[in-house]
Amino acid sequence: MPIYEYACPECGAQNEHMQKLADAPIAACPACGSGKYFKKISAAGFALKGTGWYATDFKGGGSKPAESKKEAESKPAETTATPAPAPAPAPDQPVPPPAPAISNPEPARP
């Protein structure tokens, strides 16, 4: 049976009443007897849990349903390898001198 919240504007009383859906609303305030006792609109007291609900399947704006754990384990891991940087020369090895420039003192003969 649902629980309904009622309030009385005359005396300020607020109560919860368990009623069947087919029951008529309570007309008189149990505290002061006023006929202005009314049913309040309140939030539902339940949460949708499990698969198939928007909050669990499509969170994040994607349009694909969540991937099951079994499918995720069967897929190979995607790797994005970056090339390793070239190794730096060891500090104890001398760096060879640059090659000498070839100079031709004689002009080319025709």
PDB file of N, CA and C in Angstrom:
ATOM      1  N   MET A   1       0.837  -1.186   0.000  1.00  0.00           N
ATOM      2  CA  MET A   1       0.000   0.000   0.000  1.00  0.00           C
ATOM      3  C   MET A   1       0.878   1.245   0.000  1.00  0.00           C
ATOM      4  N   PRO A   2       0.508   2.226  -0.782  1.00  0.00           N
ATOM      5  CA  PRO A   2       1.294   3.454  -0.808  1.00  0.00           C
ATOM      6  C   PRO A   2       1.082   4.300   0.448  1.00  0.00           C
ATOM      7  N   ILE A   3       2.088   5.080   0.743  1.00  0.00           N
ATOM      8  CA  ILE A   3       2.027   6.015   1.872  1.00  0.00           C
ATOM      9  C   ILE A   3       1.850   7.415   1.287  1.00  0.00           C
ATOM     10  N   TYR A   4       0.812   8.104   1.728  1.00  0.00           N
ATOM     11  CA  TYR A   4       0.526   9.454   1.245  1.00  0.00           C
ATOM     12  C   TYR A   4       0.808  10.466   2.348  1.00  0.00           C
ATOM     13  N   GLU A   5       1.277  11.634   1.948  1.00  0.00           N
ATOM     14  CA  GLU A   5       1.522  12.723   2.893  1.00  0.00           C
ATOM     15  C   GLU A   5       0.345  13.696   2.832  1.00  0.00           C
ATOM     16  N   TYR A   6      -0.097  14.115   4.007  1.00  0.00           N
ATOM     17  CA  TYR A   6      -1.190  15.078   4.127  1.00  0.00           C
ATOM     18  C   TYR A   6      -0.711  16.261   4.948  1.00  0.00           C
ATOM     19  N   ALA A   7      -1.326  17.435   4.714  1.00  0.00           N
ATOM     20  CA  ALA A   7      -1.003  18.640   5.470  1.00  0.00           C
ATOM     21  C   ALA A   7      -2.282  19.427   5.741  1.00  0.00           C
ATOM     22  N   CYS A   8      -2.272  20.139   6.862  1.00  0.00           N
ATOM     23  CA  CYS A   8      -3.407  20.980   7.233  1.00  0.00           C
ATOM     24  C   CYS A   8      -2.930  22.434   7.283  1.00  0.00           C
ATOM     25  N   PRO A   9      -3.515  23.332   6.480  1.00  0.00           N
ATOM     26  CA  PRO A   9      -3.094  24.733   6.514  1.00  0.00           C
ATOM     27  C   PRO A   9      -3.603  25.469   7.755  1.00  0.00           C
ATOM     28  N   GLU A  10      -4.603  24.948   8.407  1.00  0.00           N
ATOM     29  CA  GLU A  10      -5.165  25.607   9.595  1.00  0.00           C
ATOM     30  C   GLU A  10      -4.236  25.475  10.806  1.00  0.00           C
ATOM     31  N   CYS A  11      -3.822  24.242  11.115  1.00  0.00           N
ATOM     32  CA  CYS A  11      -2.997  24.030  12.318  1.00  0.00           C
ATOM     33  C   CYS A  11      -1.541  23.722  12.001  1.00  0.00           C
ATOM     34  N   GLY A  12      -1.195  23.493  10.730  1.00  0.00           N
ATOM     35  CA  GLY A  12       0.185  23.211  10.335  1.00  0.00           C
ATOM     36  C   GLY A  12       0.592  21.754  10.517  1.00  0.00           C
ATOM     37  N   ALA A  13      -0.343  20.879  10.830  1.00  0.00           N
ATOM     38  CA  ALA A  13      -0.032  19.460  11.028  1.00  0.00           C
ATOM     39  C   ALA A  13       0.324  18.809   9.694  1.00  0.00           C
ATOM     40  N   GLN A  14       1.330  17.921   9.724  1.00  0.00           N
ATOM     41  CA  GLN A  14       1.722  17.154   8.542  1.00  0.00           C
ATOM     42  C   GLN A  14       1.825  15.700   8.979  1.00  0.00           C
ATOM     43  N   ASN A  15       1.125  14.815   8.274  1.00  0.00           N
ATOM     44  CA  ASN A  15       1.093  13.403   8.630  1.00  0.00           C
ATOM     45  C   ASN A  15       1.234  12.535   7.391  1.00  0.00           C
ATOM     46  N   GLU A  16       1.641  11.285   7.611  1.00  0.00           N
ATOM     47  CA  GLU A  16       1.681  10.284   6.557  1.00  0.00           C
ATOM     48  C   GLU A  16       0.604   9.258   6.855  1.00  0.00           C
ATOM     49  N   HIS A  17      -0.135   8.857   5.828  1.00  0.00           N
ATOM     50  CA  HIS A  17      -1.203   7.869   5.986  1.00  0.00           C
ATOM     51  C   HIS A  17      -1.019   6.776   4.946  1.00  0.00           C
ATOM     52  N   MET A  18      -1.128   5.506   5.380  1.00  0.00           N
ATOM     53  CA  MET A  18      -1.058   4.379   4.469  1.00  0.00           C
ATOM     54  C   MET A  18      -2.480   4.094   3.986  1.00  0.00           C
ATOM     55  N   GLN A  19      -2.680   4.191   2.664  1.00  0.00           N
ATOM     56  CA  GLN A  19      -4.008   4.012   2.084  1.00  0.00           C
ATOM     57  C   GLN A  19      -3.929   3.151   0.844  1.00  0.00           C
ATOM     58  N   LYS A  20      -5.016   2.486   0.528  1.00  0.00           N
ATOM     59  CA  LYS A  20      -5.133   1.762  -0.730  1.00  0.00           C
ATOM     60  C   LYS A  20      -5.344   2.784  -1.842  1.00  0.00           C
ATOM     61  N   LEU A  21      -5.051   2.379  -3.057  1.00  0.00           N
ATOM     62  CA  LEU A  21      -5.263   3.287  -4.187  1.00  0.00           C
ATOM     63  C   LEU A  21      -6.735   3.631  -4.353  1.00  0.00           C
ATOM     64  N   ALA A  22      -7.609   2.693  -4.030  1.00  0.00           N
ATOM     65  CA  ALA A  22      -9.047   2.905  -4.210  1.00  0.00           C
ATOM     66  C   ALA A  22      -9.676   3.708  -3.075  1.00  0.00           C
ATOM     67  N   ASP A  23      -8.969   3.911  -1.961  1.00  0.00           N
ATOM     68  CA  ASP A  23      -9.534   4.652  -0.823  1.00  0.00           C
ATOM     69  C   ASP A  23      -9.715   6.134  -1.174  1.00  0.00           C
ATOM     70  N   ALA A  24     -10.760   6.718  -0.616  1.00  0.00           N
ATOM     71  CA  ALA A  24     -11.009   8.148  -0.799  1.00  0.00           C
ATOM     72  C   ALA A  24     -10.014   8.944   0.038  1.00  0.00           C
ATOM     73  N   PRO A  25      -9.636  10.147  -0.398  1.00  0.00           N
ATOM     74  CA  PRO A  25      -8.714  10.961   0.388  1.00  0.00           C
ATOM     75  C   PRO A  25      -9.326  11.324   1.748  1.00  0.00           C
ATOM     76  N   ILE A  26      -8.467  11.509   2.738  1.00  0.00           N
ATOM     77  CA  ILE A  26      -8.915  11.887   4.078  1.00  0.00           C
ATOM     78  C   ILE A  26      -9.321  13.356   4.026  1.00  0.00           C
ATOM     79  N   ALA A  27     -10.533  13.670   4.473  1.00  0.00           N
ATOM     80  CA  ALA A  27     -11.069  15.018   4.336  1.00  0.00           C
ATOM     81  C   ALA A  27     -10.846  15.886   5.564  1.00  0.00           C
ATOM     82  N   ALA A  28     -10.799  15.285   6.752  1.00  0.00           N
ATOM     83  CA  ALA A  28     -10.699  16.088   7.983  1.00  0.00           C
ATOM     84  C   ALA A  28      -9.340  15.871   8.646  1.00  0.00           C
ATOM     85  N   CYS A  29      -8.771  16.947   9.160  1.00  0.00           N
ATOM     86  CA  CYS A  29      -7.487  16.893   9.866  1.00  0.00           C
ATOM     87  C   CYS A  29      -7.675  16.132  11.188  1.00  0.00           C
ATOM     88  N   PRO A  30      -6.838  15.126  11.473  1.00  0.00           N
ATOM     89  CA  PRO A  30      -6.982  14.399  12.720  1.00  0.00           C
ATOM     90  C   PRO A  30      -6.565  15.236  13.940  1.00  0.00           C
ATOM     91  N   ALA A  31      -5.787  16.300  13.750  1.00  0.00           N
ATOM     92  CA  ALA A  31      -5.319  17.120  14.875  1.00  0.00           C
ATOM     93  C   ALA A  31      -6.354  18.173  15.279  1.00  0.00           C
ATOM     94  N   CYS A  32      -6.897  18.908  14.278  1.00  0.00           N
ATOM     95  CA  CYS A  32      -7.804  20.012  14.617  1.00  0.00           C
ATOM     96  C   CYS A  32      -9.224  19.826  14.084  1.00  0.00           C
ATOM     97  N   GLY A  33      -9.438  18.850  13.192  1.00  0.00           N
ATOM     98  CA  GLY A  33     -10.767  18.599  12.648  1.00  0.00           C
ATOM     99  C   GLY A  33     -11.131  19.484  11.475  1.00  0.00           C
ATOM    100  N   SER A  34     -10.198  20.281  10.972  1.00  0.00           N
ATOM    101  CA  SER A  34     -10.456  21.185   9.845  1.00  0.00           C
ATOM    102  C   SER A  34     -10.767  20.378   8.586  1.00  0.00           C
ATOM    103  N   GLY A  35     -11.615  20.894   7.746  1.00  0.00           N
ATOM    104  CA  GLY A  35     -11.981  20.245   6.483  1.00  0.00           C
ATOM    105  C   GLY A  35     -11.039  20.606   5.342  1.00  0.00           C
ATOM    106  N   LYS A  36      -9.976  21.351   5.628  1.00  0.00           N
ATOM    107  CA  LYS A  36      -9.026  21.776   4.584  1.00  0.00           C
ATOM    108  C   LYS A  36      -7.795  20.870   4.528  1.00  0.00           C
ATOM    109  N   TYR A  37      -7.876  19.694   5.101  1.00  0.00           N
ATOM    110  CA  TYR A  37      -6.777  18.708   5.097  1.00  0.00           C
ATOM    111  C   TYR A  37      -6.590  18.223   3.662  1.00  0.00           C
ATOM    112  N   PHE A  38      -5.367  18.335   3.110  1.00  0.00           N
ATOM    113  CA  PHE A  38      -5.155  17.973   1.708  1.00  0.00           C
ATOM    114  C   PHE A  38      -3.969  17.038   1.539  1.00  0.00           C
ATOM    115  N   LYS A  39      -3.994  16.299   0.434  1.00  0.00           N
ATOM    116  CA  LYS A  39      -2.923  15.353   0.093  1.00  0.00           C
ATOM    117  C   LYS A  39      -1.809  16.121  -0.609  1.00  0.00           C
ATOM    118  N   LYS A  40      -0.570  15.944  -0.130  1.00  0.00           N
ATOM    119  CA  LYS A  40       0.590  16.608  -0.735  1.00  0.00           C
ATOM    120  C   LYS A  40       1.146  15.753  -1.870  1.00  0.00           C
ATOM    121  N   ILE A  41       1.782  16.403  -2.811  1.00  0.00           N
ATOM    122  CA  ILE A  41       2.486  15.697  -3.877  1.00  0.00           C
ATOM    123  C   ILE A  41       3.930  15.538  -3.436  1.00  0.00           C
ATOM    124  N   SER A  42       4.425  14.307  -3.432  1.00  0.00           N
ATOM    125  CA  SER A  42       5.804  14.059  -2.988  1.00  0.00           C
ATOM    126  C   SER A  42       6.496  13.111  -3.949  1.00  0.00           C
ATOM    127  N   ALA A  43       7.805  13.010  -3.814  1.00  0.00           N
ATOM    128  CA  ALA A  43       8.612  12.151  -4.678  1.00  0.00           C
ATOM    129  C   ALA A  43       8.365  10.680  -4.349  1.00  0.00           C
ATOM    130  N   ALA A  44       8.482   9.863  -5.354  1.00  0.00           N
ATOM    131  CA  ALA A  44       8.311   8.424  -5.153  1.00  0.00           C
ATOM    132  C   ALA A  44       9.495   7.874  -4.364  1.00  0.00           C
ATOM    133  N   GLY A  45       9.241   6.872  -3.555  1.00  0.00           N
ATOM    134  CA  GLY A  45      10.298   6.321  -2.711  1.00  0.00           C
ATOM    135  C   GLY A  45      10.859   5.024  -3.223  1.00  0.00           C
ATOM    136  N   PHE A  46      11.272   4.963  -4.478  1.00  0.00           N
ATOM    137  CA  PHE A  46      11.893   3.751  -5.000  1.00  0.00           C
ATOM    138  C   PHE A  46      12.984   4.133  -5.993  1.00  0.00           C
ATOM    139  N   ALA A  47      13.887   3.192  -6.223  1.00  0.00           N
ATOM    140  CA  ALA A  47      14.977   3.401  -7.172  1.00  0.00           C
ATOM    141  C   ALA A  47      14.995   2.236  -8.148  1.00  0.00           C
ATOM    142  N   LEU A  48      15.281   2.516  -9.401  1.00  0.00           N
ATOM    143  CA  LEU A  48      15.362   1.484 -10.427  1.00  0.00           C
ATOM    144  C   LEU A  48      16.784   0.949 -10.439  1.00  0.00           C
ATOM    145  N   LYS A  49      16.931  -0.340 -10.084  1.00  0.00           N
ATOM    146  CA  LYS A  49      18.268  -0.937 -10.018  1.00  0.00           C
ATOM    147  C   LYS A  49      18.357  -2.080 -11.021  1.00  0.00           C
ATOM    148  N   GLY A  50      19.579  -2.418 -11.407  1.00  0.00           N
ATOM    149  CA  GLY A  50      19.793  -3.519 -12.336  1.00  0.00           C
ATOM    150  C   GLY A  50      20.038  -3.001 -13.737  1.00  0.00           C
ATOM    151  N   THR A  51      20.136  -3.931 -14.682  1.00  0.00           N
ATOM    152  CA  THR A  51      20.408  -3.532 -16.065  1.00  0.00           C
ATOM    153  C   THR A  51      19.117  -3.138 -16.756  1.00  0.00           C
ATOM    154  N   GLY A  52      19.251  -2.347 -17.786  1.00  0.00           N
ATOM    155  CA  GLY A  52      18.103  -1.949 -18.577  1.00  0.00           C
ATOM    156  C   GLY A  52      17.550  -0.585 -18.246  1.00  0.00           C
ATOM    157  N   TRP A  53      18.120   0.118 -17.305  1.00  0.00           N
ATOM    158  CA  TRP A  53      17.623   1.439 -16.932  1.00  0.00           C
ATOM    159  C   TRP A  53      18.606   2.491 -17.390  1.00  0.00           C
ATOM    160  N   TYR A  54      18.113   3.667 -17.716  1.00  0.00           N
ATOM    161  CA  TYR A  54      18.933   4.744 -18.256  1.00  0.00           C
ATOM    162  C   TYR A  54      20.117   5.082 -17.366  1.00  0.00           C
ATOM    163  N   ALA A  55      19.932   5.137 -16.067  1.00  0.00           N
ATOM    164  CA  ALA A  55      20.998   5.579 -15.164  1.00  0.00           C
ATOM    165  C   ALA A  55      22.186   4.632 -15.170  1.00  0.00           C
ATOM    166  N   THR A  56      21.992   3.364 -15.496  1.00  0.00           N
ATOM    167  CA  THR A  56      23.111   2.427 -15.457  1.00  0.00           C
ATOM    168  C   THR A  56      23.656   2.087 -16.835  1.00  0.00           C
ATOM    169  N   ASP A  57      22.835   2.131 -17.869  1.00  0.00           N
ATOM    170  CA  ASP A  57      23.290   1.676 -19.175  1.00  0.00           C
ATOM    171  C   ASP A  57      23.857   2.763 -20.074  1.00  0.00           C
ATOM    172  N   PHE A  58      23.349   3.960 -20.007  1.00  0.00           N
ATOM    173  CA  PHE A  58      23.769   4.974 -20.956  1.00  0.00           C
ATOM    174  C   PHE A  58      24.332   6.210 -20.280  1.00  0.00           C
ATOM    175  N   LYS A  59      24.883   6.059 -19.097  1.00  0.00           N
ATOM    176  CA  LYS A  59      25.471   7.201 -18.411  1.00  0.00           C
ATOM    177  C   LYS A  59      26.688   7.671 -19.204  1.00  0.00           C
ATOM    178  N   GLY A  60      26.834   8.930 -19.390  1.00  0.00           N
ATOM    179  CA  GLY A  60      27.967   9.469 -20.116  1.00  0.00           C
ATOM    180  C   GLY A  60      27.618   9.891 -21.531  1.00  0.00           C
ATOM    181  N   GLY A  61      26.366   9.745 -21.957  1.00  0.00           N
ATOM    182  CA  GLY A  61      25.950  10.242 -23.254  1.00  0.00           C
ATOM    183  C   GLY A  61      26.201   9.309 -24.415  1.00  0.00           C
ATOM    184  N   GLY A  62      26.787   8.143 -24.205  1.00  0.00           N
ATOM    185  CA  GLY A  62      27.006   7.217 -25.298  1.00  0.00           C
ATOM    186  C   GLY A  62      25.714   6.564 -25.733  1.00  0.00           C
ATOM    187  N   SER A  63      25.682   6.059 -26.960  1.00  0.00           N
ATOM    188  CA  SER A  63      24.467   5.419 -27.434  1.00  0.00           C
ATOM    189  C   SER A  63      24.586   3.911 -27.410  1.00  0.00           C
ATOM    190  N   LYS A  64      25.766   3.366 -27.082  1.00  0.00           N
ATOM    191  CA  LYS A  64      25.933   1.927 -27.021  1.00  0.00           C
ATOM    192  C   LYS A  64      25.643   1.437 -25.609  1.00  0.00           C
ATOM    193  N   PRO A  65      25.004   0.273 -25.479  1.00  0.00           N
ATOM    194  CA  PRO A  65      24.774  -0.265 -24.141  1.00  0.00           C
ATOM    195  C   PRO A  65      26.094  -0.673 -23.493  1.00  0.00           C
ATOM    196  N   ALA A  66      26.065  -0.780 -22.183  1.00  0.00           N
ATOM    197  CA  ALA A  66      27.266  -1.139 -21.436  1.00  0.00           C
ATOM    198  C   ALA A  66      27.745  -2.524 -21.843  1.00  0.00           C
ATOM    199  N   GLU A  67      29.060  -2.689 -21.963  1.00  0.00           N
ATOM    200  CA  GLU A  67      29.655  -3.952 -22.363  1.00  0.00           C
ATOM    201  C   GLU A  67      29.719  -4.884 -21.160  1.00  0.00           C
ATOM    202  N   SER A  68      29.338  -6.117 -21.373  1.00  0.00           N
ATOM    203  CA  SER A  68      29.348  -7.056 -20.254  1.00  0.00           C
ATOM    204  C   SER A  68      30.778  -7.413 -19.874  1.00  0.00           C
ATOM    205  N   LYS A  69      30.945  -7.896 -18.663  1.00  0.00           N
ATOM    206  CA  LYS A  69      32.274  -8.232 -18.148  1.00  0.00           C
ATOM    207  C   LYS A  69      32.897  -9.361 -18.953  1.00  0.00           C
ATOM    208  N   LYS A  70      32.093 -10.340 -19.366  1.00  0.00           N
ATOM    209  CA  LYS A  70      32.603 -11.485 -20.117  1.00  0.00           C
ATOM    210  C   LYS A  70      33.145 -11.035 -21.468  1.00  0.00           C
ATOM    211  N   GLU A  71      32.425 -10.122 -22.153  1.00  0.00           N
ATOM    212  CA  GLU A  71      32.883  -9.622 -23.447  1.00  0.00           C
ATOM    213  C   GLU A  71      34.166  -8.814 -23.306  1.00  0.00           C
ATOM    214  N   ALA A  72      34.278  -8.055 -22.239  1.00  0.00           N
ATOM    215  CA  ALA A  72      35.467  -7.232 -22.028  1.00  0.00           C
ATOM    216  C   ALA A  72      36.697  -8.101 -21.793  1.00  0.00           C
ATOM    217  N   GLU A  73      36.528  -9.228 -21.101  1.00  0.00           N
ATOM    218  CA  GLU A  73      37.670 -10.102 -20.828  1.00  0.00           C
ATOM    219  C   GLU A  73      38.112 -10.863 -22.061  1.00  0.00           C
ATOM    220  N   SER A  74      37.184 -11.151 -22.998  1.00  0.00           N
ATOM    221  CA  SER A  74      37.533 -11.934 -24.172  1.00  0.00           C
ATOM    222  C   SER A  74      38.237 -11.099 -25.241  1.00  0.00           C
ATOM    223  N   LYS A  75      38.087  -9.784 -25.209  1.00  0.00           N
ATOM    224  CA  LYS A  75      38.731  -8.917 -26.193  1.00  0.00           C
ATOM    225  C   LYS A  75      40.197  -8.687 -25.814  1.00  0.00           C
ATOM    226  N   PRO A  76      41.108  -8.656 -26.802  1.00  0.00           N
ATOM    227  CA  PRO A  76      42.501  -8.324 -26.477  1.00  0.00           C
ATOM    228  C   PRO A  76      42.607  -6.848 -26.104  1.00  0.00           C
ATOM    229  N   ALA A  77      43.529  -6.573 -25.242  1.00  0.00           N
ATOM    230  CA  ALA A  77      43.716  -5.199 -24.791  1.00  0.00           C
ATOM    231  C   ALA A  77      44.310  -4.370 -25.923  1.00  0.00           C
ATOM    232  N   GLU A  78      43.744  -3.200 -26.130  1.00  0.00           N
ATOM    233  CA  GLU A  78      44.263  -2.294 -27.150  1.00  0.00           C
ATOM    234  C   GLU A  78      45.418  -1.492 -26.549  1.00  0.00           C
ATOM    235  N   THR A  79      46.530  -1.501 -27.261  1.00  0.00           N
ATOM    236  CA  THR A  79      47.674  -0.745 -26.765  1.00  0.00           C
ATOM    237  C   THR A  79      48.061   0.284 -27.811  1.00  0.00           C
ATOM    238  N   THR A  80      48.451   1.417 -27.353  1.00  0.00           N
ATOM    239  CA  THR A  80      48.965   2.453 -28.236  1.00  0.00           C
ATOM    240  C   THR A  80      50.416   2.672 -27.843  1.00  0.00           C
ATOM    241  N   ALA A  81      51.302   2.022 -28.596  1.00  0.00           N
ATOM    242  CA  ALA A  81      52.723   2.088 -28.281  1.00  0.00           C
ATOM    243  C   ALA A  81      53.328   3.338 -28.892  1.00  0.00           C
ATOM    244  N   THR A  82      54.146   4.011 -28.144  1.00  0.00           N
ATOM    245  CA  THR A  82      54.888   5.152 -28.656  1.00  0.00           C
ATOM    246  C   THR A  82      56.328   4.696 -28.840  1.00  0.00           C
ATOM    247  N   PRO A  83      56.975   5.141 -29.907  1.00  0.00           N
ATOM    248  CA  PRO A  83      58.351   4.695 -30.125  1.00  0.00           C
ATOM    249  C   PRO A  83      59.265   5.197 -29.006  1.00  0.00           C
ATOM    250  N   ALA A  84      60.206   4.350 -28.653  1.00  0.00           N
ATOM    251  CA  ALA A  84      61.157   4.706 -27.601  1.00  0.00           C
ATOM    252  C   ALA A  84      62.146   5.737 -28.134  1.00  0.00           C
ATOM    253  N   PRO A  85      62.575   6.688 -27.318  1.00  0.00           N
ATOM    254  CA  PRO A  85      63.552   7.673 -27.793  1.00  0.00           C
ATOM    255  C   PRO A  85      64.911   7.008 -28.029  1.00  0.00           C
ATOM    256  N   ALA A  86      65.695   7.616 -28.924  1.00  0.00           N
ATOM    257  CA  ALA A  86      67.027   7.074 -29.232  1.00  0.00           C
ATOM    258  C   ALA A  86      67.895   7.151 -27.986  1.00  0.00           C
ATOM    259  N   PRO A  87      68.699   6.122 -27.768  1.00  0.00           N
ATOM    260  CA  PRO A  87      69.541   6.142 -26.571  1.00  0.00           C
ATOM    261  C   PRO A  87      70.620   7.218 -26.680  1.00  0.00           C
ATOM    262  N   ALA A  88      70.870   7.858 -25.590  1.00  0.00           N
ATOM    263  CA  ALA A  88      71.904   8.897 -25.552  1.00  0.00           C
ATOM    264  C   ALA A  88      73.278   8.222 -25.472  1.00  0.00           C
ATOM    265  N   PRO A  89      74.307   8.836 -26.045  1.00  0.00           N
ATOM    266  CA  PRO A  89      75.645   8.222 -25.965  1.00  0.00           C
ATOM    267  C   PRO A  89      76.121   8.184 -24.510  1.00  0.00           C
ATOM    268  N   ALA A  90      76.853   7.143 -24.222  1.00  0.00           N
ATOM    269  CA  ALA A  90      77.380   7.001 -22.865  1.00  0.00           C
ATOM    270  C   ALA A  90      78.398   8.095 -22.609  1.00  0.00           C
ATOM    271  N   PRO A  91      78.409   8.661 -21.399  1.00  0.00           N
ATOM    272  CA  PRO A  91      79.327   9.769 -21.131  1.00  0.00           C
ATOM    273  C   PRO A  91      80.800   9.358 -21.120  1.00  0.00           C
ATOM    274  N   ASP A  92      81.121   8.076 -20.925  1.00  0.00           N
ATOM    275  CA  ASP A  92      82.535   7.672 -20.865  1.00  0.00           C
ATOM    276  C   ASP A  92      83.123   7.383 -22.237  1.00  0.00           C
ATOM    277  N   GLN A  93      82.323   7.371 -23.300  1.00  0.00           N
ATOM    278  CA  GLN A  93      82.846   7.132 -24.645  1.00  0.00           C
ATOM    279  C   GLN A  93      83.075   8.469 -25.334  1.00  0.00           C
ATOM    280  N   PRO A  94      84.223   8.638 -25.986  1.00  0.00           N
ATOM    281  CA  PRO A  94      84.495   9.905 -26.673  1.00  0.00           C
ATOM    282  C   PRO A  94      83.651  10.021 -27.938  1.00  0.00           C
ATOM    283  N   VAL A  95      83.263  11.213 -28.222  1.00  0.00           N
ATOM    284  CA  VAL A  95      82.493  11.483 -29.424  1.00  0.00           C
ATOM    285  C   VAL A  95      83.482  11.636 -30.565  1.00  0.00           C
ATOM    286  N   PRO A  96      83.312  10.902 -31.703  1.00  0.00           N
ATOM    287  CA  PRO A  96      84.271  11.010 -32.805  1.00  0.00           C
ATOM    288  C   PRO A  96      84.204  12.402 -33.443  1.00  0.00           C
ATOM    289  N   PRO A  97      85.337  12.903 -33.924  1.00  0.00           N
ATOM    290  CA  PRO A  97      85.343  14.225 -34.559  1.00  0.00           C
ATOM    291  C   PRO A  97      84.606  14.162 -35.892  1.00  0.00           C
ATOM    292  N   PRO A  98      84.082  15.271 -36.347  1.00  0.00           N
ATOM    293  CA  PRO A  98      83.388  15.274 -37.627  1.00  0.00           C
ATOM    294  C   PRO A  98      84.367  14.982 -38.769  1.00  0.00           C
ATOM    295  N   ALA A  99      83.859  14.424 -39.836  1.00  0.00           N
ATOM    296  CA  ALA A  99      84.690  14.090 -41.002  1.00  0.00           C
ATOM    297  C   ALA A  99      85.171  15.379 -41.658  1.00  0.00           C
ATOM    298  N   PRO A 100      86.431  15.389 -42.136  1.00  0.00           N
ATOM    299  CA  PRO A 100      86.942  16.609 -42.781  1.00  0.00           C
ATOM    300  C   PRO A 100      86.251  16.841 -44.115  1.00  0.00           C
ATOM    301  N   ALA A 101      86.108  18.097 -44.434  1.00  0.00           N
ATOM    302  CA  ALA A 101      85.504  18.460 -45.708  1.00  0.00           C
ATOM    303  C   ALA A 101      86.507  18.209 -46.820  1.00  0.00           C
ATOM    304  N   ILE A 102      86.035  17.707 -47.926  1.00  0.00           N
ATOM    305  CA  ILE A 102      86.930  17.426 -49.054  1.00  0.00           C
ATOM    306  C   ILE A 102      87.080  18.723 -49.845  1.00  0.00           C
ATOM    307  N   SER A 103      88.308  19.113 -49.980  1.00  0.00           N
ATOM    308  CA  SER A 103      88.562  20.311 -50.774  1.00  0.00           C
ATOM    309  C   SER A 103      89.398  19.919 -51.987  1.00  0.00           C
ATOM    310  N   ASN A 104      89.088  20.444 -53.105  1.00  0.00           N
ATOM    311  CA  ASN A 104      89.809  20.139 -54.333  1.00  0.00           C
ATOM    312  C   ASN A 104      90.533  21.419 -54.762  1.00  0.00           C
ATOM    313  N   PRO A 105      91.860  21.502 -54.500  1.00  0.00           N
ATOM    314  CA  PRO A 105      92.550  22.733 -54.863  1.00  0.00           C
ATOM    315  C   PRO A 105      92.644  22.944 -56.370  1.00  0.00           C
ATOM    316  N   GLU A 106      92.605  21.874 -57.132  1.00  0.00           N
ATOM    317  CA  GLU A 106      92.709  22.041 -58.570  1.00  0.00           C
ATOM    318  C   GLU A 106      91.323  22.178 -59.179  1.00  0.00           C
ATOM    319  N   PRO A 107      91.173  23.096 -60.106  1.00  0.00           N
ATOM    320  CA  PRO A 107      89.886  23.200 -60.786  1.00  0.00           C
ATOM    321  C   PRO A 107      89.701  22.012 -61.737  1.00  0.00           C
ATOM    322  N   ALA A 108      88.510  21.688 -62.024  1.00  0.00           N
ATOM    323  CA  ALA A 108      88.210  20.553 -62.917  1.00  0.00           C
ATOM    324  C   ALA A 108      88.659  20.904 -64.328  1.00  0.00           C
ATOM    325  N   ARG A 109      89.271  19.923 -65.022  1.00  0.00           N
ATOM    326  CA  ARG A 109      89.733  20.154 -66.396  1.00  0.00           C
ATOM    327  C   ARG A 109      88.656  19.752 -67.379  1.00  0.00           C
ATOM    328  N   PRO A 110      88.525  20.571 -68.390  1.00  0.00           N
ATOM    329  CA  PRO A 110      87.526  20.217 -69.405  1.00  0.00           C
ATOM    330  C   PRO A 110      87.985  19.173 -70.381  1.00  0.00           C
TER     331      PRO A 110
END
